[in-house]
Amino acid sequence: MERAKELLFSTDGPVLRLARGCGFNTVEQLEYNFPKLVGMSATQYRKSPKTNLI
């Protein structure tokens, strides 16, 4: 999940590519697990002010 956070923070590529690059087979797997571990969706994380993340 740390790798997903780094990529969400530093890139604007498609979440599908990001998910696969982090070992998830589908975006749905990332979207299901990300909020449980981080406290917000991947999209919310990407849109959050960058100073409070990672």
N, C-alpha and C. Protein backbone atom coordinates (compact mmCIF):
# COMPACT_ATOMS: atom_id res chain seq x y z
N MET A 1 0.82 -1.19 0.00
CA MET A 1 0.00 0.00 0.00
C MET A 1 0.87 1.26 0.00
N GLU A 2 2.04 1.17 0.58
CA GLU A 2 2.92 2.34 0.57
C GLU A 2 3.30 2.75 -0.85
N ARG A 3 3.52 1.75 -1.70
CA ARG A 3 3.85 2.06 -3.09
C ARG A 3 2.68 2.74 -3.79
N ALA A 4 1.48 2.28 -3.53
CA ALA A 4 0.29 2.91 -4.11
C ALA A 4 0.19 4.35 -3.64
N LYS A 5 0.43 4.60 -2.37
CA LYS A 5 0.39 5.96 -1.84
C LYS A 5 1.43 6.84 -2.53
N GLU A 6 2.63 6.31 -2.70
CA GLU A 6 3.69 7.08 -3.36
C GLU A 6 3.29 7.45 -4.79
N LEU A 7 2.75 6.47 -5.51
CA LEU A 7 2.36 6.73 -6.90
C LEU A 7 1.18 7.69 -6.99
N LEU A 8 0.23 7.57 -6.11
CA LEU A 8 -0.90 8.51 -6.10
C LEU A 8 -0.41 9.92 -5.81
N PHE A 9 0.57 10.01 -4.94
CA PHE A 9 1.13 11.29 -4.54
C PHE A 9 1.94 11.94 -5.66
N SER A 10 2.69 11.12 -6.40
CA SER A 10 3.69 11.67 -7.31
C SER A 10 3.33 11.58 -8.80
N THR A 11 2.26 10.88 -9.15
CA THR A 11 1.90 10.75 -10.56
C THR A 11 0.44 11.11 -10.77
N ASP A 12 0.08 11.26 -12.02
CA ASP A 12 -1.34 11.47 -12.33
C ASP A 12 -1.81 10.44 -13.35
N GLY A 13 -1.09 9.33 -13.44
CA GLY A 13 -1.47 8.25 -14.35
C GLY A 13 -2.75 7.58 -13.92
N PRO A 14 -3.32 6.77 -14.82
CA PRO A 14 -4.57 6.07 -14.52
C PRO A 14 -4.43 5.16 -13.29
N VAL A 15 -5.46 5.13 -12.49
CA VAL A 15 -5.45 4.31 -11.28
C VAL A 15 -5.32 2.82 -11.64
N LEU A 16 -5.86 2.40 -12.77
CA LEU A 16 -5.72 1.01 -13.19
C LEU A 16 -4.25 0.63 -13.35
N ARG A 17 -3.49 1.46 -14.00
CA ARG A 17 -2.05 1.20 -14.18
C ARG A 17 -1.35 1.20 -12.83
N LEU A 18 -1.69 2.15 -12.00
CA LEU A 18 -1.11 2.23 -10.67
C LEU A 18 -1.44 0.97 -9.86
N ALA A 19 -2.69 0.54 -9.91
CA ALA A 19 -3.11 -0.65 -9.16
C ALA A 19 -2.33 -1.88 -9.62
N ARG A 20 -2.22 -2.06 -10.90
CA ARG A 20 -1.49 -3.22 -11.43
C ARG A 20 -0.01 -3.14 -11.09
N GLY A 21 0.55 -1.95 -11.12
CA GLY A 21 1.95 -1.77 -10.77
C GLY A 21 2.24 -2.04 -9.31
N CYS A 22 1.21 -2.05 -8.50
CA CYS A 22 1.36 -2.31 -7.06
C CYS A 22 0.92 -3.71 -6.68
N GLY A 23 0.63 -4.55 -7.68
CA GLY A 23 0.30 -5.94 -7.40
C GLY A 23 -1.17 -6.28 -7.32
N PHE A 24 -2.03 -5.32 -7.56
CA PHE A 24 -3.46 -5.59 -7.57
C PHE A 24 -3.88 -6.02 -8.96
N ASN A 25 -4.75 -7.00 -9.06
CA ASN A 25 -5.22 -7.46 -10.36
C ASN A 25 -6.26 -6.54 -10.98
N THR A 26 -7.00 -5.83 -10.13
CA THR A 26 -8.06 -4.95 -10.60
C THR A 26 -8.06 -3.66 -9.79
N VAL A 27 -8.67 -2.63 -10.37
CA VAL A 27 -8.85 -1.38 -9.65
C VAL A 27 -9.74 -1.61 -8.43
N GLU A 28 -10.71 -2.50 -8.58
CA GLU A 28 -11.64 -2.78 -7.49
C GLU A 28 -10.91 -3.29 -6.25
N GLN A 29 -9.87 -4.09 -6.44
CA GLN A 29 -9.11 -4.58 -5.29
C GLN A 29 -8.42 -3.42 -4.57
N LEU A 30 -7.86 -2.50 -5.33
CA LEU A 30 -7.24 -1.33 -4.72
C LEU A 30 -8.29 -0.48 -4.03
N GLU A 31 -9.41 -0.23 -4.70
CA GLU A 31 -10.46 0.62 -4.13
C GLU A 31 -11.08 0.00 -2.89
N TYR A 32 -11.09 -1.31 -2.79
CA TYR A 32 -11.63 -1.99 -1.62
C TYR A 32 -10.66 -1.90 -0.44
N ASN A 33 -9.39 -2.12 -0.70
CA ASN A 33 -8.39 -2.19 0.37
C ASN A 33 -7.83 -0.84 0.80
N PHE A 34 -7.70 0.10 -0.12
CA PHE A 34 -7.06 1.38 0.18
C PHE A 34 -7.75 2.11 1.34
N PRO A 35 -9.07 2.29 1.31
CA PRO A 35 -9.71 3.02 2.42
C PRO A 35 -9.59 2.32 3.76
N LYS A 36 -9.56 1.01 3.75
CA LYS A 36 -9.43 0.27 5.01
C LYS A 36 -8.08 0.52 5.67
N LEU A 37 -7.06 0.71 4.87
CA LEU A 37 -5.71 0.89 5.41
C LEU A 37 -5.30 2.35 5.55
N VAL A 38 -5.87 3.21 4.72
CA VAL A 38 -5.44 4.61 4.69
C VAL A 38 -6.49 5.56 5.28
N GLY A 39 -7.75 5.16 5.24
CA GLY A 39 -8.79 5.99 5.82
C GLY A 39 -9.53 6.85 4.82
N MET A 40 -9.18 6.73 3.54
CA MET A 40 -9.87 7.46 2.48
C MET A 40 -9.64 6.71 1.18
N SER A 41 -10.47 7.01 0.18
CA SER A 41 -10.32 6.34 -1.11
C SER A 41 -9.05 6.81 -1.80
N ALA A 42 -8.62 6.05 -2.81
CA ALA A 42 -7.45 6.43 -3.59
C ALA A 42 -7.67 7.77 -4.27
N THR A 43 -8.86 8.00 -4.78
CA THR A 43 -9.17 9.27 -5.43
C THR A 43 -9.11 10.42 -4.44
N GLN A 44 -9.67 10.23 -3.25
CA GLN A 44 -9.61 11.28 -2.22
C GLN A 44 -8.15 11.55 -1.84
N TYR A 45 -7.39 10.48 -1.71
CA TYR A 45 -5.97 10.63 -1.35
C TYR A 45 -5.23 11.45 -2.40
N ARG A 46 -5.48 11.14 -3.65
CA ARG A 46 -4.81 11.84 -4.74
C ARG A 46 -5.20 13.33 -4.74
N LYS A 47 -6.42 13.66 -4.40
CA LYS A 47 -6.90 15.05 -4.42
C LYS A 47 -6.57 15.81 -3.15
N SER A 48 -6.13 15.12 -2.11
CA SER A 48 -5.82 15.78 -0.83
C SER A 48 -4.60 16.68 -0.97
N PRO A 49 -4.52 17.70 -0.12
CA PRO A 49 -3.34 18.56 -0.13
C PRO A 49 -2.08 17.71 0.09
N LYS A 50 -1.10 17.88 -0.73
CA LYS A 50 0.09 17.03 -0.71
C LYS A 50 0.93 17.18 0.56
N THR A 51 0.81 18.26 1.28
CA THR A 51 1.65 18.47 2.45
C THR A 51 1.30 17.55 3.61
N ASN A 52 0.10 17.01 3.65
CA ASN A 52 -0.33 16.17 4.77
C ASN A 52 -0.22 14.68 4.51
N LEU A 53 0.31 14.29 3.37
CA LEU A 53 0.29 12.90 2.97
C LEU A 53 1.67 12.27 3.02
N ILE A 54 1.67 10.95 2.99
CA ILE A 54 2.83 10.08 3.04
C ILE A 54 3.55 10.21 4.30
